[in-house]
Amino acid sequence: QVQLVESGGGLVQAGGSLRLSCVASGRTFSSYSMEWFRQAPGKEREFVAGISRSGGGTGYGHSAKGRFTISRDNAKNTVYLQMDSLEPEDTAVYYCTARSVGGSYEYWGQGTQVTVSS
Protein backbone atom coordinates (compact mmCIF):
# COMPACT_ATOMS: atom_id res chain seq x y z
CA GLN A 1 0.00 0.00 0.00
CA VAL A 2 1.24 3.48 -0.89
CA GLN A 3 -0.14 6.73 0.43
CA LEU A 4 0.47 9.97 -1.44
CA VAL A 5 0.30 13.36 0.26
CA GLU A 6 0.51 16.55 -1.78
CA SER A 7 1.48 19.94 -0.44
CA GLY A 8 2.64 23.33 -1.65
CA GLY A 9 -0.56 24.66 -3.11
CA GLY A 10 -1.91 28.09 -2.33
CA LEU A 11 -2.88 31.47 -3.70
CA VAL A 12 -0.47 33.23 -6.04
CA GLN A 13 -0.68 36.14 -8.44
CA ALA A 14 -0.47 35.63 -12.15
CA GLY A 15 3.16 35.38 -13.23
CA GLY A 16 4.19 33.86 -9.94
CA SER A 17 5.54 30.45 -9.06
CA LEU A 18 4.67 27.53 -6.83
CA ARG A 19 6.39 24.26 -6.08
CA LEU A 20 4.19 21.30 -5.34
CA SER A 21 5.46 18.25 -3.50
CA CYS A 22 4.05 14.77 -3.24
CA VAL A 23 5.46 12.48 -0.58
CA ALA A 24 4.87 8.75 -0.80
CA SER A 25 4.79 6.32 2.08
CA GLY A 26 6.30 2.89 1.78
CA ARG A 27 9.52 1.57 0.32
CA THR A 28 8.38 0.97 -3.25
CA PHE A 29 8.29 4.55 -4.51
CA SER A 30 10.93 3.94 -7.15
CA SER A 31 8.79 1.15 -8.59
CA TYR A 32 6.28 3.66 -9.90
CA SER A 33 6.32 6.29 -12.53
CA MET A 34 4.69 9.39 -11.14
CA GLU A 35 2.32 11.85 -12.72
CA TRP A 36 0.57 15.08 -11.88
CA PHE A 37 -3.00 15.76 -12.94
CA ARG A 38 -5.23 18.71 -12.27
CA GLN A 39 -8.95 19.32 -12.21
CA ALA A 40 -10.66 22.68 -12.39
CA PRO A 41 -14.31 23.16 -11.36
CA GLY A 42 -16.63 21.86 -14.04
CA LYS A 43 -13.80 20.40 -16.10
CA GLU A 44 -12.36 16.94 -16.62
CA ARG A 45 -9.19 15.83 -14.93
CA GLU A 46 -6.23 16.85 -17.09
CA PHE A 47 -2.74 15.35 -17.39
CA VAL A 48 -0.06 17.86 -16.41
CA ALA A 49 3.28 16.05 -16.25
CA GLY A 50 4.84 12.65 -15.74
CA ILE A 51 8.22 11.24 -14.81
CA SER A 52 9.71 7.79 -15.18
CA ARG A 53 10.74 5.56 -12.29
CA SER A 54 14.37 6.61 -12.50
CA GLY A 55 13.60 10.23 -13.25
CA GLY A 56 15.39 10.01 -16.57
CA GLY A 57 12.28 10.54 -18.66
CA THR A 58 9.65 13.24 -18.42
CA GLY A 59 6.58 14.28 -20.35
CA TYR A 60 4.23 17.24 -20.21
CA GLY A 61 0.72 18.12 -21.14
CA HIS A 62 0.14 20.94 -23.55
CA SER A 63 -0.71 23.44 -20.82
CA ALA A 64 2.47 22.72 -18.87
CA LYS A 65 5.11 22.72 -21.57
CA GLY A 66 7.73 25.38 -21.12
CA ARG A 67 6.37 26.53 -17.75
CA PHE A 68 6.26 23.50 -15.44
CA THR A 69 9.04 21.09 -14.47
CA ILE A 70 8.53 17.70 -12.89
CA SER A 71 11.29 16.02 -10.90
CA ARG A 72 11.65 13.32 -8.28
CA ASP A 73 13.95 12.33 -5.45
CA ASN A 74 13.68 8.60 -4.87
CA ALA A 75 15.75 8.84 -1.69
CA LYS A 76 13.07 11.13 -0.25
CA ASN A 77 10.09 9.33 -1.81
CA THR A 78 9.05 12.66 -3.26
CA VAL A 79 7.95 13.99 -6.62
CA TYR A 80 7.87 17.71 -7.31
CA LEU A 81 6.12 20.01 -9.73
CA GLN A 82 7.76 23.40 -10.19
CA MET A 83 5.24 25.75 -11.73
CA ASP A 84 6.41 29.06 -13.16
CA SER A 85 4.66 31.84 -15.07
CA LEU A 86 1.35 30.81 -13.56
CA GLU A 87 -1.85 31.94 -15.19
CA PRO A 88 -5.42 32.15 -13.84
CA GLU A 89 -6.22 29.20 -16.11
CA ASP A 90 -3.89 27.08 -13.97
CA THR A 91 -6.32 27.33 -11.06
CA ALA A 92 -7.29 23.78 -10.12
CA VAL A 93 -6.83 21.02 -7.62
CA TYR A 94 -3.57 19.25 -8.39
CA TYR A 95 -3.20 15.53 -7.77
CA CYS A 96 -0.23 13.24 -7.89
CA THR A 97 -0.59 9.62 -8.87
CA ALA A 98 1.60 6.54 -8.88
CA ARG A 99 1.50 4.50 -12.05
CA SER A 100 2.56 0.86 -12.12
CA VAL A 101 4.79 -0.79 -14.70
CA GLY A 102 1.64 -2.20 -16.23
CA GLY A 103 0.28 1.28 -16.75
CA SER A 104 -2.52 1.39 -14.20
CA TYR A 105 -2.96 4.36 -11.91
CA GLU A 106 -2.78 2.58 -8.62
CA TYR A 107 -2.64 5.35 -6.06
CA TRP A 108 -3.85 8.96 -5.90
CA GLY A 109 -3.25 11.72 -3.41
CA GLN A 110 -5.98 13.85 -1.91
CA GLY A 111 -5.03 16.88 -3.97
CA THR A 112 -3.76 20.38 -3.25
CA GLN A 113 -5.54 23.55 -4.33
CA VAL A 114 -3.75 26.04 -6.54
CA THR A 115 -5.41 29.39 -7.12
CA VAL A 116 -3.92 31.97 -9.44
CA SER A 117 -5.34 35.47 -9.26
CA SER A 118 -5.27 37.91 -12.16
C-alpha atoms as a PDB file:
ATOM      1  CA  GLN A   1       0.000   0.000   0.000  1.00  0.00           C
ATOM      2  CA  VAL A   2       1.244   3.476  -0.891  1.00  0.00           C
ATOM      3  CA  GLN A   3      -0.140   6.730   0.426  1.00  0.00           C
ATOM      4  CA  LEU A   4       0.474   9.967  -1.436  1.00  0.00           C
ATOM      5  CA  VAL A   5       0.297  13.357   0.257  1.00  0.00           C
ATOM      6  CA  GLU A   6       0.510  16.548  -1.777  1.00  0.00           C
ATOM      7  CA  SER A   7       1.477  19.943  -0.437  1.00  0.00           C
ATOM      8  CA  GLY A   8       2.635  23.326  -1.651  1.00  0.00           C
ATOM      9  CA  GLY A   9      -0.563  24.658  -3.114  1.00  0.00           C
ATOM     10  CA  GLY A  10      -1.914  28.089  -2.332  1.00  0.00           C
ATOM     11  CA  LEU A  11      -2.880  31.466  -3.695  1.00  0.00           C
ATOM     12  CA  VAL A  12      -0.470  33.226  -6.038  1.00  0.00           C
ATOM     13  CA  GLN A  13      -0.680  36.137  -8.437  1.00  0.00           C
ATOM     14  CA  ALA A  14      -0.466  35.629 -12.155  1.00  0.00           C
ATOM     15  CA  GLY A  15       3.156  35.379 -13.232  1.00  0.00           C
ATOM     16  CA  GLY A  16       4.195  33.862  -9.942  1.00  0.00           C
ATOM     17  CA  SER A  17       5.538  30.446  -9.058  1.00  0.00           C
ATOM     18  CA  LEU A  18       4.673  27.533  -6.825  1.00  0.00           C
ATOM     19  CA  ARG A  19       6.387  24.259  -6.079  1.00  0.00           C
ATOM     20  CA  LEU A  20       4.188  21.298  -5.335  1.00  0.00           C
ATOM     21  CA  SER A  21       5.462  18.250  -3.498  1.00  0.00           C
ATOM     22  CA  CYS A  22       4.048  14.770  -3.236  1.00  0.00           C
ATOM     23  CA  VAL A  23       5.458  12.483  -0.583  1.00  0.00           C
ATOM     24  CA  ALA A  24       4.868   8.751  -0.801  1.00  0.00           C
ATOM     25  CA  SER A  25       4.791   6.324   2.081  1.00  0.00           C
ATOM     26  CA  GLY A  26       6.299   2.888   1.776  1.00  0.00           C
ATOM     27  CA  ARG A  27       9.521   1.569   0.317  1.00  0.00           C
ATOM     28  CA  THR A  28       8.375   0.971  -3.250  1.00  0.00           C
ATOM     29  CA  PHE A  29       8.290   4.546  -4.512  1.00  0.00           C
ATOM     30  CA  SER A  30      10.934   3.938  -7.149  1.00  0.00           C
ATOM     31  CA  SER A  31       8.795   1.153  -8.589  1.00  0.00           C
ATOM     32  CA  TYR A  32       6.276   3.655  -9.898  1.00  0.00           C
ATOM     33  CA  SER A  33       6.325   6.286 -12.526  1.00  0.00           C
ATOM     34  CA  MET A  34       4.687   9.390 -11.139  1.00  0.00           C
ATOM     35  CA  GLU A  35       2.319  11.852 -12.718  1.00  0.00           C
ATOM     36  CA  TRP A  36       0.565  15.079 -11.879  1.00  0.00           C
ATOM     37  CA  PHE A  37      -3.001  15.764 -12.943  1.00  0.00           C
ATOM     38  CA  ARG A  38      -5.234  18.706 -12.266  1.00  0.00           C
ATOM     39  CA  GLN A  39      -8.950  19.324 -12.211  1.00  0.00           C
ATOM     40  CA  ALA A  40     -10.660  22.681 -12.387  1.00  0.00           C
ATOM     41  CA  PRO A  41     -14.305  23.156 -11.364  1.00  0.00           C
ATOM     42  CA  GLY A  42     -16.635  21.859 -14.038  1.00  0.00           C
ATOM     43  CA  LYS A  43     -13.798  20.402 -16.099  1.00  0.00           C
ATOM     44  CA  GLU A  44     -12.364  16.939 -16.622  1.00  0.00           C
ATOM     45  CA  ARG A  45      -9.192  15.831 -14.933  1.00  0.00           C
ATOM     46  CA  GLU A  46      -6.229  16.846 -17.090  1.00  0.00           C
ATOM     47  CA  PHE A  47      -2.743  15.346 -17.388  1.00  0.00           C
ATOM     48  CA  VAL A  48      -0.062  17.861 -16.408  1.00  0.00           C
ATOM     49  CA  ALA A  49       3.277  16.050 -16.253  1.00  0.00           C
ATOM     50  CA  GLY A  50       4.843  12.646 -15.744  1.00  0.00           C
ATOM     51  CA  ILE A  51       8.218  11.241 -14.809  1.00  0.00           C
ATOM     52  CA  SER A  52       9.714   7.789 -15.183  1.00  0.00           C
ATOM     53  CA  ARG A  53      10.735   5.560 -12.285  1.00  0.00           C
ATOM     54  CA  SER A  54      14.373   6.608 -12.501  1.00  0.00           C
ATOM     55  CA  GLY A  55      13.600  10.231 -13.248  1.00  0.00           C
ATOM     56  CA  GLY A  56      15.387  10.007 -16.571  1.00  0.00           C
ATOM     57  CA  GLY A  57      12.284  10.538 -18.655  1.00  0.00           C
ATOM     58  CA  THR A  58       9.649  13.238 -18.419  1.00  0.00           C
ATOM     59  CA  GLY A  59       6.576  14.276 -20.353  1.00  0.00           C
ATOM     60  CA  TYR A  60       4.227  17.241 -20.213  1.00  0.00           C
ATOM     61  CA  GLY A  61       0.722  18.116 -21.136  1.00  0.00           C
ATOM     62  CA  HIS A  62       0.136  20.944 -23.553  1.00  0.00           C
ATOM     63  CA  SER A  63      -0.706  23.443 -20.825  1.00  0.00           C
ATOM     64  CA  ALA A  64       2.473  22.715 -18.868  1.00  0.00           C
ATOM     65  CA  LYS A  65       5.105  22.718 -21.574  1.00  0.00           C
ATOM     66  CA  GLY A  66       7.734  25.379 -21.117  1.00  0.00           C
ATOM     67  CA  ARG A  67       6.365  26.534 -17.752  1.00  0.00           C
ATOM     68  CA  PHE A  68       6.262  23.500 -15.442  1.00  0.00           C
ATOM     69  CA  THR A  69       9.038  21.092 -14.467  1.00  0.00           C
ATOM     70  CA  ILE A  70       8.532  17.699 -12.887  1.00  0.00           C
ATOM     71  CA  SER A  71      11.293  16.022 -10.895  1.00  0.00           C
ATOM     72  CA  ARG A  72      11.653  13.322  -8.279  1.00  0.00           C
ATOM     73  CA  ASP A  73      13.947  12.327  -5.449  1.00  0.00           C
ATOM     74  CA  ASN A  74      13.684   8.605  -4.866  1.00  0.00           C
ATOM     75  CA  ALA A  75      15.747   8.841  -1.687  1.00  0.00           C
ATOM     76  CA  LYS A  76      13.074  11.126  -0.250  1.00  0.00           C
ATOM     77  CA  ASN A  77      10.093   9.328  -1.812  1.00  0.00           C
ATOM     78  CA  THR A  78       9.048  12.657  -3.264  1.00  0.00           C
ATOM     79  CA  VAL A  79       7.954  13.989  -6.619  1.00  0.00           C
ATOM     80  CA  TYR A  80       7.870  17.712  -7.312  1.00  0.00           C
ATOM     81  CA  LEU A  81       6.118  20.013  -9.728  1.00  0.00           C
ATOM     82  CA  GLN A  82       7.758  23.396 -10.192  1.00  0.00           C
ATOM     83  CA  MET A  83       5.236  25.753 -11.725  1.00  0.00           C
ATOM     84  CA  ASP A  84       6.409  29.065 -13.158  1.00  0.00           C
ATOM     85  CA  SER A  85       4.655  31.839 -15.069  1.00  0.00           C
ATOM     86  CA  LEU A  86       1.355  30.809 -13.564  1.00  0.00           C
ATOM     87  CA  GLU A  87      -1.853  31.940 -15.195  1.00  0.00           C
ATOM     88  CA  PRO A  88      -5.415  32.153 -13.838  1.00  0.00           C
ATOM     89  CA  GLU A  89      -6.220  29.200 -16.115  1.00  0.00           C
ATOM     90  CA  ASP A  90      -3.894  27.076 -13.968  1.00  0.00           C
ATOM     91  CA  THR A  91      -6.320  27.330 -11.065  1.00  0.00           C
ATOM     92  CA  ALA A  92      -7.287  23.784 -10.123  1.00  0.00           C
ATOM     93  CA  VAL A  93      -6.831  21.021  -7.622  1.00  0.00           C
ATOM     94  CA  TYR A  94      -3.566  19.248  -8.388  1.00  0.00           C
ATOM     95  CA  TYR A  95      -3.203  15.529  -7.772  1.00  0.00           C
ATOM     96  CA  CYS A  96      -0.228  13.238  -7.888  1.00  0.00           C
ATOM     97  CA  THR A  97      -0.593   9.622  -8.869  1.00  0.00           C
ATOM     98  CA  ALA A  98       1.597   6.536  -8.883  1.00  0.00           C
ATOM     99  CA  ARG A  99       1.495   4.497 -12.052  1.00  0.00           C
ATOM    100  CA  SER A 100       2.560   0.858 -12.119  1.00  0.00           C
ATOM    101  CA  VAL A 101       4.785  -0.789 -14.701  1.00  0.00           C
ATOM    102  CA  GLY A 102       1.643  -2.202 -16.232  1.00  0.00           C
ATOM    103  CA  GLY A 103       0.278   1.283 -16.747  1.00  0.00           C
ATOM    104  CA  SER A 104      -2.515   1.390 -14.202  1.00  0.00           C
ATOM    105  CA  TYR A 105      -2.962   4.361 -11.911  1.00  0.00           C
ATOM    106  CA  GLU A 106      -2.775   2.575  -8.625  1.00  0.00           C
ATOM    107  CA  TYR A 107      -2.645   5.352  -6.063  1.00  0.00           C
ATOM    108  CA  TRP A 108      -3.852   8.957  -5.899  1.00  0.00           C
ATOM    109  CA  GLY A 109      -3.246  11.717  -3.411  1.00  0.00           C
ATOM    110  CA  GLN A 110      -5.977  13.849  -1.909  1.00  0.00           C
ATOM    111  CA  GLY A 111      -5.031  16.883  -3.966  1.00  0.00           C
ATOM    112  CA  THR A 112      -3.762  20.378  -3.249  1.00  0.00           C
ATOM    113  CA  GLN A 113      -5.539  23.551  -4.329  1.00  0.00           C
ATOM    114  CA  VAL A 114      -3.745  26.039  -6.541  1.00  0.00           C
ATOM    115  CA  THR A 115      -5.414  29.389  -7.119  1.00  0.00           C
ATOM    116  CA  VAL A 116      -3.921  31.974  -9.444  1.00  0.00           C
ATOM    117  CA  SER A 117      -5.341  35.471  -9.258  1.00  0.00           C
ATOM    118  CA  SER A 118      -5.271  37.907 -12.157  1.00  0.00           C
END
